[in-house]
Amino acid sequence: MVLALHFATKRVRQSLHDFPVWIQRKFEDSLSFLRRNPFAGKRLTGKLSSYWSMCVTHSCRILYTFDSETLCVHKIRDVLRHGPGPRL
């Protein structure tokens, strides 16, 4: 699982080069947490085995999923919260 996660996130890492360095570091911190505990995050049904979120700013959170069948990392959604609202 950890090795598959490493290869699956290479594409996501390459797309992060357009972002500022501090966002890249936050993403790397999320990945290092997953490497320590590959089953971290809520278990999802179907082929999506786990997810993790990265808080980019106080109002923006990005949710990623790891597809265990295709070994891909997918960005599910950006959440912009204005005022109190449901949390992820």
PDB file of N, CA and C in Angstrom:
ATOM      1  N   MET A   1       0.827  -1.198   0.000  1.00  0.00           N
ATOM      2  CA  MET A   1       0.000   0.000   0.000  1.00  0.00           C
ATOM      3  C   MET A   1       0.867   1.256   0.000  1.00  0.00           C
ATOM      4  N   VAL A   2       1.913   1.262   0.839  1.00  0.00           N
ATOM      5  CA  VAL A   2       2.758   2.449   0.928  1.00  0.00           C
ATOM      6  C   VAL A   2       3.505   2.670  -0.378  1.00  0.00           C
ATOM      7  N   LEU A   3       4.035   1.602  -0.962  1.00  0.00           N
ATOM      8  CA  LEU A   3       4.748   1.720  -2.231  1.00  0.00           C
ATOM      9  C   LEU A   3       3.804   2.167  -3.345  1.00  0.00           C
ATOM     10  N   ALA A   4       2.605   1.615  -3.359  1.00  0.00           N
ATOM     11  CA  ALA A   4       1.618   2.023  -4.366  1.00  0.00           C
ATOM     12  C   ALA A   4       1.256   3.489  -4.199  1.00  0.00           C
ATOM     13  N   LEU A   5       1.131   3.925  -2.961  1.00  0.00           N
ATOM     14  CA  LEU A   5       0.817   5.329  -2.702  1.00  0.00           C
ATOM     15  C   LEU A   5       1.940   6.227  -3.198  1.00  0.00           C
ATOM     16  N   HIS A   6       3.189   5.770  -3.031  1.00  0.00           N
ATOM     17  CA  HIS A   6       4.336   6.552  -3.497  1.00  0.00           C
ATOM     18  C   HIS A   6       4.274   6.760  -5.008  1.00  0.00           C
ATOM     19  N   PHE A   7       4.035   5.692  -5.754  1.00  0.00           N
ATOM     20  CA  PHE A   7       3.984   5.811  -7.206  1.00  0.00           C
ATOM     21  C   PHE A   7       2.742   6.570  -7.675  1.00  0.00           C
ATOM     22  N   ALA A   8       1.640   6.396  -6.983  1.00  0.00           N
ATOM     23  CA  ALA A   8       0.401   7.065  -7.390  1.00  0.00           C
ATOM     24  C   ALA A   8       0.477   8.567  -7.186  1.00  0.00           C
ATOM     25  N   THR A   9       1.236   9.004  -6.201  1.00  0.00           N
ATOM     26  CA  THR A   9       1.294  10.434  -5.915  1.00  0.00           C
ATOM     27  C   THR A   9       2.344  11.162  -6.736  1.00  0.00           C
ATOM     28  N   LYS A  10       3.127  10.456  -7.527  1.00  0.00           N
ATOM     29  CA  LYS A  10       4.127  11.136  -8.356  1.00  0.00           C
ATOM     30  C   LYS A  10       3.466  12.117  -9.318  1.00  0.00           C
ATOM     31  N   ARG A  11       2.346  11.699  -9.901  1.00  0.00           N
ATOM     32  CA  ARG A  11       1.645  12.584 -10.828  1.00  0.00           C
ATOM     33  C   ARG A  11       1.091  13.810 -10.120  1.00  0.00           C
ATOM     34  N   VAL A  12       0.579  13.608  -8.907  1.00  0.00           N
ATOM     35  CA  VAL A  12       0.042  14.740  -8.153  1.00  0.00           C
ATOM     36  C   VAL A  12       1.169  15.689  -7.776  1.00  0.00           C
ATOM     37  N   ARG A  13       2.317  15.143  -7.373  1.00  0.00           N
ATOM     38  CA  ARG A  13       3.456  15.980  -7.026  1.00  0.00           C
ATOM     39  C   ARG A  13       3.912  16.817  -8.216  1.00  0.00           C
ATOM     40  N   GLN A  14       3.940  16.214  -9.389  1.00  0.00           N
ATOM     41  CA  GLN A  14       4.379  16.952 -10.570  1.00  0.00           C
ATOM     42  C   GLN A  14       3.436  18.112 -10.866  1.00  0.00           C
ATOM     43  N   SER A  15       2.147  17.927 -10.618  1.00  0.00           N
ATOM     44  CA  SER A  15       1.201  19.012 -10.874  1.00  0.00           C
ATOM     45  C   SER A  15       1.273  20.095  -9.803  1.00  0.00           C
ATOM     46  N   LEU A  16       1.911  19.805  -8.667  1.00  0.00           N
ATOM     47  CA  LEU A  16       2.014  20.794  -7.596  1.00  0.00           C
ATOM     48  C   LEU A  16       3.099  21.835  -7.849  1.00  0.00           C
ATOM     49  N   HIS A  17       3.931  21.645  -8.849  1.00  0.00           N
ATOM     50  CA  HIS A  17       5.022  22.586  -9.096  1.00  0.00           C
ATOM     51  C   HIS A  17       4.515  23.982  -9.436  1.00  0.00           C
ATOM     52  N   ASP A  18       3.280  24.104  -9.893  1.00  0.00           N
ATOM     53  CA  ASP A  18       2.713  25.418 -10.206  1.00  0.00           C
ATOM     54  C   ASP A  18       2.259  26.167  -8.956  1.00  0.00           C
ATOM     55  N   PHE A  19       2.147  25.461  -7.832  1.00  0.00           N
ATOM     56  CA  PHE A  19       1.675  26.069  -6.600  1.00  0.00           C
ATOM     57  C   PHE A  19       2.851  26.657  -5.820  1.00  0.00           C
ATOM     58  N   PRO A  20       2.567  27.583  -4.891  1.00  0.00           N
ATOM     59  CA  PRO A  20       3.637  28.103  -4.027  1.00  0.00           C
ATOM     60  C   PRO A  20       4.260  26.986  -3.187  1.00  0.00           C
ATOM     61  N   VAL A  21       5.475  27.246  -2.715  1.00  0.00           N
ATOM     62  CA  VAL A  21       6.235  26.231  -1.979  1.00  0.00           C
ATOM     63  C   VAL A  21       5.514  25.812  -0.705  1.00  0.00           C
ATOM     64  N   TRP A  22       4.855  26.748  -0.016  1.00  0.00           N
ATOM     65  CA  TRP A  22       4.214  26.390   1.254  1.00  0.00           C
ATOM     66  C   TRP A  22       3.059  25.419   1.044  1.00  0.00           C
ATOM     67  N   ILE A  23       2.381  25.496  -0.103  1.00  0.00           N
ATOM     68  CA  ILE A  23       1.320  24.529  -0.396  1.00  0.00           C
ATOM     69  C   ILE A  23       1.936  23.167  -0.690  1.00  0.00           C
ATOM     70  N   GLN A  24       3.054  23.145  -1.409  1.00  0.00           N
ATOM     71  CA  GLN A  24       3.740  21.879  -1.678  1.00  0.00           C
ATOM     72  C   GLN A  24       4.174  21.211  -0.382  1.00  0.00           C
ATOM     73  N   ARG A  25       4.657  22.007   0.578  1.00  0.00           N
ATOM     74  CA  ARG A  25       5.083  21.435   1.864  1.00  0.00           C
ATOM     75  C   ARG A  25       3.906  20.852   2.633  1.00  0.00           C
ATOM     76  N   LYS A  26       2.758  21.546   2.592  1.00  0.00           N
ATOM     77  CA  LYS A  26       1.574  21.008   3.275  1.00  0.00           C
ATOM     78  C   LYS A  26       1.167  19.674   2.673  1.00  0.00           C
ATOM     79  N   PHE A  27       1.248  19.565   1.350  1.00  0.00           N
ATOM     80  CA  PHE A  27       0.902  18.314   0.693  1.00  0.00           C
ATOM     81  C   PHE A  27       1.883  17.217   1.088  1.00  0.00           C
ATOM     82  N   GLU A  28       3.179  17.538   1.131  1.00  0.00           N
ATOM     83  CA  GLU A  28       4.184  16.553   1.531  1.00  0.00           C
ATOM     84  C   GLU A  28       3.965  16.114   2.976  1.00  0.00           C
ATOM     85  N   ASP A  29       3.567  17.041   3.850  1.00  0.00           N
ATOM     86  CA  ASP A  29       3.274  16.671   5.237  1.00  0.00           C
ATOM     87  C   ASP A  29       2.116  15.687   5.302  1.00  0.00           C
ATOM     88  N   SER A  30       1.098  15.903   4.466  1.00  0.00           N
ATOM     89  CA  SER A  30      -0.033  14.976   4.432  1.00  0.00           C
ATOM     90  C   SER A  30       0.410  13.602   3.965  1.00  0.00           C
ATOM     91  N   LEU A  31       1.290  13.561   2.960  1.00  0.00           N
ATOM     92  CA  LEU A  31       1.773  12.278   2.452  1.00  0.00           C
ATOM     93  C   LEU A  31       2.632  11.563   3.475  1.00  0.00           C
ATOM     94  N   SER A  32       3.459  12.303   4.217  1.00  0.00           N
ATOM     95  CA  SER A  32       4.302  11.646   5.209  1.00  0.00           C
ATOM     96  C   SER A  32       3.447  11.044   6.319  1.00  0.00           C
ATOM     97  N   PHE A  33       2.328  11.695   6.666  1.00  0.00           N
ATOM     98  CA  PHE A  33       1.410  11.117   7.649  1.00  0.00           C
ATOM     99  C   PHE A  33       0.814   9.819   7.120  1.00  0.00           C
ATOM    100  N   LEU A  34       0.453   9.811   5.837  1.00  0.00           N
ATOM    101  CA  LEU A  34      -0.119   8.601   5.249  1.00  0.00           C
ATOM    102  C   LEU A  34       0.898   7.476   5.167  1.00  0.00           C
ATOM    103  N   ARG A  35       2.160   7.802   4.953  1.00  0.00           N
ATOM    104  CA  ARG A  35       3.177   6.752   4.893  1.00  0.00           C
ATOM    105  C   ARG A  35       3.358   6.095   6.253  1.00  0.00           C
ATOM    106  N   ARG A  36       3.239   6.893   7.320  1.00  0.00           N
ATOM    107  CA  ARG A  36       3.352   6.304   8.656  1.00  0.00           C
ATOM    108  C   ARG A  36       2.147   5.432   8.971  1.00  0.00           C
ATOM    109  N   ASN A  37       0.972   5.851   8.520  1.00  0.00           N
ATOM    110  CA  ASN A  37      -0.248   5.093   8.762  1.00  0.00           C
ATOM    111  C   ASN A  37      -1.044   5.061   7.463  1.00  0.00           C
ATOM    112  N   PRO A  38      -0.785   4.067   6.581  1.00  0.00           N
ATOM    113  CA  PRO A  38      -1.418   4.065   5.266  1.00  0.00           C
ATOM    114  C   PRO A  38      -2.934   3.963   5.314  1.00  0.00           C
ATOM    115  N   PHE A  39      -3.489   3.514   6.426  1.00  0.00           N
ATOM    116  CA  PHE A  39      -4.936   3.378   6.516  1.00  0.00           C
ATOM    117  C   PHE A  39      -5.555   4.559   7.254  1.00  0.00           C
ATOM    118  N   ALA A  40      -4.817   5.662   7.357  1.00  0.00           N
ATOM    119  CA  ALA A  40      -5.367   6.854   8.004  1.00  0.00           C
ATOM    120  C   ALA A  40      -6.493   7.421   7.157  1.00  0.00           C
ATOM    121  N   GLY A  41      -7.430   8.031   7.804  1.00  0.00           N
ATOM    122  CA  GLY A  41      -8.574   8.583   7.080  1.00  0.00           C
ATOM    123  C   GLY A  41      -9.746   7.626   7.139  1.00  0.00           C
ATOM    124  N   LYS A  42     -10.869   8.126   6.778  1.00  0.00           N
ATOM    125  CA  LYS A  42     -12.095   7.337   6.837  1.00  0.00           C
ATOM    126  C   LYS A  42     -12.105   6.289   5.733  1.00  0.00           C
ATOM    127  N   ARG A  43     -12.564   5.109   6.061  1.00  0.00           N
ATOM    128  CA  ARG A  43     -12.693   4.055   5.052  1.00  0.00           C
ATOM    129  C   ARG A  43     -13.909   4.353   4.185  1.00  0.00           C
ATOM    130  N   LEU A  44     -13.712   4.293   2.887  1.00  0.00           N
ATOM    131  CA  LEU A  44     -14.803   4.556   1.961  1.00  0.00           C
ATOM    132  C   LEU A  44     -15.297   3.249   1.363  1.00  0.00           C
ATOM    133  N   THR A  45     -16.484   3.274   0.804  1.00  0.00           N
ATOM    134  CA  THR A  45     -17.030   2.076   0.178  1.00  0.00           C
ATOM    135  C   THR A  45     -16.548   1.980  -1.258  1.00  0.00           C
ATOM    136  N   GLY A  46     -16.615   0.800  -1.812  1.00  0.00           N
ATOM    137  CA  GLY A  46     -16.202   0.601  -3.199  1.00  0.00           C
ATOM    138  C   GLY A  46     -14.695   0.571  -3.341  1.00  0.00           C
ATOM    139  N   LYS A  47     -14.215   1.070  -4.474  1.00  0.00           N
ATOM    140  CA  LYS A  47     -12.797   0.954  -4.757  1.00  0.00           C
ATOM    141  C   LYS A  47     -11.953   2.052  -4.130  1.00  0.00           C
ATOM    142  N   LEU A  48     -12.587   3.073  -3.569  1.00  0.00           N
ATOM    143  CA  LEU A  48     -11.822   4.129  -2.926  1.00  0.00           C
ATOM    144  C   LEU A  48     -11.460   3.685  -1.519  1.00  0.00           C
ATOM    145  N   SER A  49     -10.185   3.474  -1.282  1.00  0.00           N
ATOM    146  CA  SER A  49      -9.783   2.853  -0.027  1.00  0.00           C
ATOM    147  C   SER A  49      -9.598   3.851   1.103  1.00  0.00           C
ATOM    148  N   SER A  50      -9.198   5.055   0.801  1.00  0.00           N
ATOM    149  CA  SER A  50      -8.985   6.015   1.881  1.00  0.00           C
ATOM    150  C   SER A  50      -8.972   7.415   1.301  1.00  0.00           C
ATOM    151  N   TYR A  51      -9.029   8.386   2.191  1.00  0.00           N
ATOM    152  CA  TYR A  51      -8.925   9.762   1.737  1.00  0.00           C
ATOM    153  C   TYR A  51      -8.139  10.565   2.755  1.00  0.00           C
ATOM    154  N   TRP A  52      -7.644  11.682   2.333  1.00  0.00           N
ATOM    155  CA  TRP A  52      -7.060  12.639   3.243  1.00  0.00           C
ATOM    156  C   TRP A  52      -7.320  14.026   2.701  1.00  0.00           C
ATOM    157  N   SER A  53      -7.324  15.001   3.572  1.00  0.00           N
ATOM    158  CA  SER A  53      -7.592  16.366   3.136  1.00  0.00           C
ATOM    159  C   SER A  53      -6.392  17.238   3.456  1.00  0.00           C
ATOM    160  N   MET A  54      -6.227  18.280   2.675  1.00  0.00           N
ATOM    161  CA  MET A  54      -5.157  19.230   2.889  1.00  0.00           C
ATOM    162  C   MET A  54      -5.786  20.604   3.005  1.00  0.00           C
ATOM    163  N   CYS A  55      -5.559  21.260   4.112  1.00  0.00           N
ATOM    164  CA  CYS A  55      -6.099  22.598   4.317  1.00  0.00           C
ATOM    165  C   CYS A  55      -5.107  23.595   3.726  1.00  0.00           C
ATOM    166  N   VAL A  56      -5.490  24.240   2.643  1.00  0.00           N
ATOM    167  CA  VAL A  56      -4.594  25.164   1.960  1.00  0.00           C
ATOM    168  C   VAL A  56      -4.596  26.519   2.655  1.00  0.00           C
ATOM    169  N   THR A  57      -5.765  27.059   2.899  1.00  0.00           N
ATOM    170  CA  THR A  57      -5.905  28.284   3.678  1.00  0.00           C
ATOM    171  C   THR A  57      -7.017  28.045   4.684  1.00  0.00           C
ATOM    172  N   HIS A  58      -7.362  29.089   5.447  1.00  0.00           N
ATOM    173  CA  HIS A  58      -8.430  28.908   6.432  1.00  0.00           C
ATOM    174  C   HIS A  58      -9.780  28.693   5.767  1.00  0.00           C
ATOM    175  N   SER A  59      -9.910  29.037   4.486  1.00  0.00           N
ATOM    176  CA  SER A  59     -11.209  28.895   3.828  1.00  0.00           C
ATOM    177  C   SER A  59     -11.213  27.875   2.695  1.00  0.00           C
ATOM    178  N   CYS A  60     -10.099  27.218   2.459  1.00  0.00           N
ATOM    179  CA  CYS A  60     -10.022  26.286   1.332  1.00  0.00           C
ATOM    180  C   CYS A  60      -9.422  24.970   1.797  1.00  0.00           C
ATOM    181  N   ARG A  61     -10.106  23.897   1.524  1.00  0.00           N
ATOM    182  CA  ARG A  61      -9.613  22.566   1.857  1.00  0.00           C
ATOM    183  C   ARG A  61      -9.759  21.687   0.627  1.00  0.00           C
ATOM    184  N   ILE A  62      -8.733  20.896   0.340  1.00  0.00           N
ATOM    185  CA  ILE A  62      -8.752  20.007  -0.814  1.00  0.00           C
ATOM    186  C   ILE A  62      -8.821  18.575  -0.306  1.00  0.00           C
ATOM    187  N   LEU A  63      -9.735  17.811  -0.851  1.00  0.00           N
ATOM    188  CA  LEU A  63      -9.908  16.421  -0.445  1.00  0.00           C
ATOM    189  C   LEU A  63      -9.373  15.517  -1.548  1.00  0.00           C
ATOM    190  N   TYR A  64      -8.480  14.602  -1.171  1.00  0.00           N
ATOM    191  CA  TYR A  64      -7.894  13.657  -2.116  1.00  0.00           C
ATOM    192  C   TYR A  64      -8.334  12.246  -1.753  1.00  0.00           C
ATOM    193  N   THR A  65      -8.476  11.391  -2.743  1.00  0.00           N
ATOM    194  CA  THR A  65      -8.761   9.980  -2.490  1.00  0.00           C
ATOM    195  C   THR A  65      -7.701   9.130  -3.160  1.00  0.00           C
ATOM    196  N   PHE A  66      -7.488   7.965  -2.615  1.00  0.00           N
ATOM    197  CA  PHE A  66      -6.554   7.007  -3.194  1.00  0.00           C
ATOM    198  C   PHE A  66      -7.361   5.834  -3.723  1.00  0.00           C
ATOM    199  N   ASP A  67      -7.286   5.598  -5.020  1.00  0.00           N
ATOM    200  CA  ASP A  67      -8.008   4.510  -5.670  1.00  0.00           C
ATOM    201  C   ASP A  67      -7.106   3.284  -5.668  1.00  0.00           C
ATOM    202  N   SER A  68      -7.474   2.267  -4.907  1.00  0.00           N
ATOM    203  CA  SER A  68      -6.615   1.095  -4.758  1.00  0.00           C
ATOM    204  C   SER A  68      -6.620   0.192  -5.981  1.00  0.00           C
ATOM    205  N   GLU A  69      -7.615   0.310  -6.844  1.00  0.00           N
ATOM    206  CA  GLU A  69      -7.640  -0.538  -8.040  1.00  0.00           C
ATOM    207  C   GLU A  69      -6.755   0.020  -9.145  1.00  0.00           C
ATOM    208  N   THR A  70      -6.851   1.307  -9.390  1.00  0.00           N
ATOM    209  CA  THR A  70      -6.049   1.910 -10.460  1.00  0.00           C
ATOM    210  C   THR A  70      -4.773   2.544  -9.931  1.00  0.00           C
ATOM    211  N   LEU A  71      -4.587   2.534  -8.601  1.00  0.00           N
ATOM    212  CA  LEU A  71      -3.419   3.120  -7.953  1.00  0.00           C
ATOM    213  C   LEU A  71      -3.232   4.579  -8.358  1.00  0.00           C
ATOM    214  N   CYS A  72      -4.310   5.331  -8.296  1.00  0.00           N
ATOM    215  CA  CYS A  72      -4.271   6.749  -8.641  1.00  0.00           C
ATOM    216  C   CYS A  72      -4.760   7.577  -7.463  1.00  0.00           C
ATOM    217  N   VAL A  73      -4.261   8.783  -7.392  1.00  0.00           N
ATOM    218  CA  VAL A  73      -4.752   9.742  -6.414  1.00  0.00           C
ATOM    219  C   VAL A  73      -5.649  10.724  -7.145  1.00  0.00           C
ATOM    220  N   HIS A  74      -6.857  10.923  -6.637  1.00  0.00           N
ATOM    221  CA  HIS A  74      -7.824  11.807  -7.281  1.00  0.00           C
ATOM    222  C   HIS A  74      -8.138  12.979  -6.363  1.00  0.00           C
ATOM    223  N   LYS A  75      -8.200  14.166  -6.942  1.00  0.00           N
ATOM    224  CA  LYS A  75      -8.648  15.340  -6.206  1.00  0.00           C
ATOM    225  C   LYS A  75     -10.161  15.388  -6.328  1.00  0.00           C
ATOM    226  N   ILE A  76     -10.874  15.300  -5.200  1.00  0.00           N
ATOM    227  CA  ILE A  76     -12.330  15.230  -5.253  1.00  0.00           C
ATOM    228  C   ILE A  76     -12.948  16.616  -5.343  1.00  0.00           C
ATOM    229  N   ARG A  77     -12.584  17.513  -4.425  1.00  0.00           N
ATOM    230  CA  ARG A  77     -13.255  18.809  -4.454  1.00  0.00           C
ATOM    231  C   ARG A  77     -12.450  19.854  -3.698  1.00  0.00           C
ATOM    232  N   ASP A  78     -12.700  21.086  -4.051  1.00  0.00           N
ATOM    233  CA  ASP A  78     -12.208  22.227  -3.294  1.00  0.00           C
ATOM    234  C   ASP A  78     -13.391  22.763  -2.510  1.00  0.00           C
ATOM    235  N   VAL A  79     -13.189  23.055  -1.273  1.00  0.00           N
ATOM    236  CA  VAL A  79     -14.276  23.565  -0.449  1.00  0.00           C
ATOM    237  C   VAL A  79     -13.896  24.960   0.015  1.00  0.00           C
ATOM    238  N   LEU A  80     -14.675  25.933  -0.369  1.00  0.00           N
ATOM    239  CA  LEU A  80     -14.483  27.293   0.106  1.00  0.00           C
ATOM    240  C   LEU A  80     -15.588  27.596   1.096  1.00  0.00           C
ATOM    241  N   ARG A  81     -15.211  27.829   2.339  1.00  0.00           N
ATOM    242  CA  ARG A  81     -16.208  28.102   3.367  1.00  0.00           C
ATOM    243  C   ARG A  81     -16.246  29.598   3.629  1.00  0.00           C
ATOM    244  N   HIS A  82     -17.407  30.163   3.554  1.00  0.00           N
ATOM    245  CA  HIS A  82     -17.604  31.568   3.898  1.00  0.00           C
ATOM    246  C   HIS A  82     -18.524  31.596   5.103  1.00  0.00           C
ATOM    247  N   GLY A  83     -17.944  31.868   6.248  1.00  0.00           N
ATOM    248  CA  GLY A  83     -18.733  31.859   7.469  1.00  0.00           C
ATOM    249  C   GLY A  83     -18.945  30.441   7.957  1.00  0.00           C
ATOM    250  N   PRO A  84     -19.792  30.269   8.980  1.00  0.00           N
ATOM    251  CA  PRO A  84     -20.022  28.924   9.514  1.00  0.00           C
ATOM    252  C   PRO A  84     -20.747  28.049   8.503  1.00  0.00           C
ATOM    253  N   GLY A  85     -20.327  26.825   8.436  1.00  0.00           N
ATOM    254  CA  GLY A  85     -20.950  25.891   7.503  1.00  0.00           C
ATOM    255  C   GLY A  85     -20.513  24.480   7.813  1.00  0.00           C
ATOM    256  N   PRO A  86     -20.963  23.526   7.042  1.00  0.00           N
ATOM    257  CA  PRO A  86     -20.582  22.143   7.312  1.00  0.00           C
ATOM    258  C   PRO A  86     -19.095  21.937   7.102  1.00  0.00           C
ATOM    259  N   ARG A  87     -18.507  21.122   7.951  1.00  0.00           N
ATOM    260  CA  ARG A  87     -17.084  20.815   7.844  1.00  0.00           C
ATOM    261  C   ARG A  87     -16.910  19.470   7.173  1.00  0.00           C
ATOM    262  N   LEU A  88     -15.773  19.292   6.543  1.00  0.00           N
ATOM    263  CA  LEU A  88     -15.464  17.995   5.916  1.00  0.00           C
ATOM    264  C   LEU A  88     -15.058  16.995   6.951  1.00  0.00           C
TER     265      LEU A  88
END
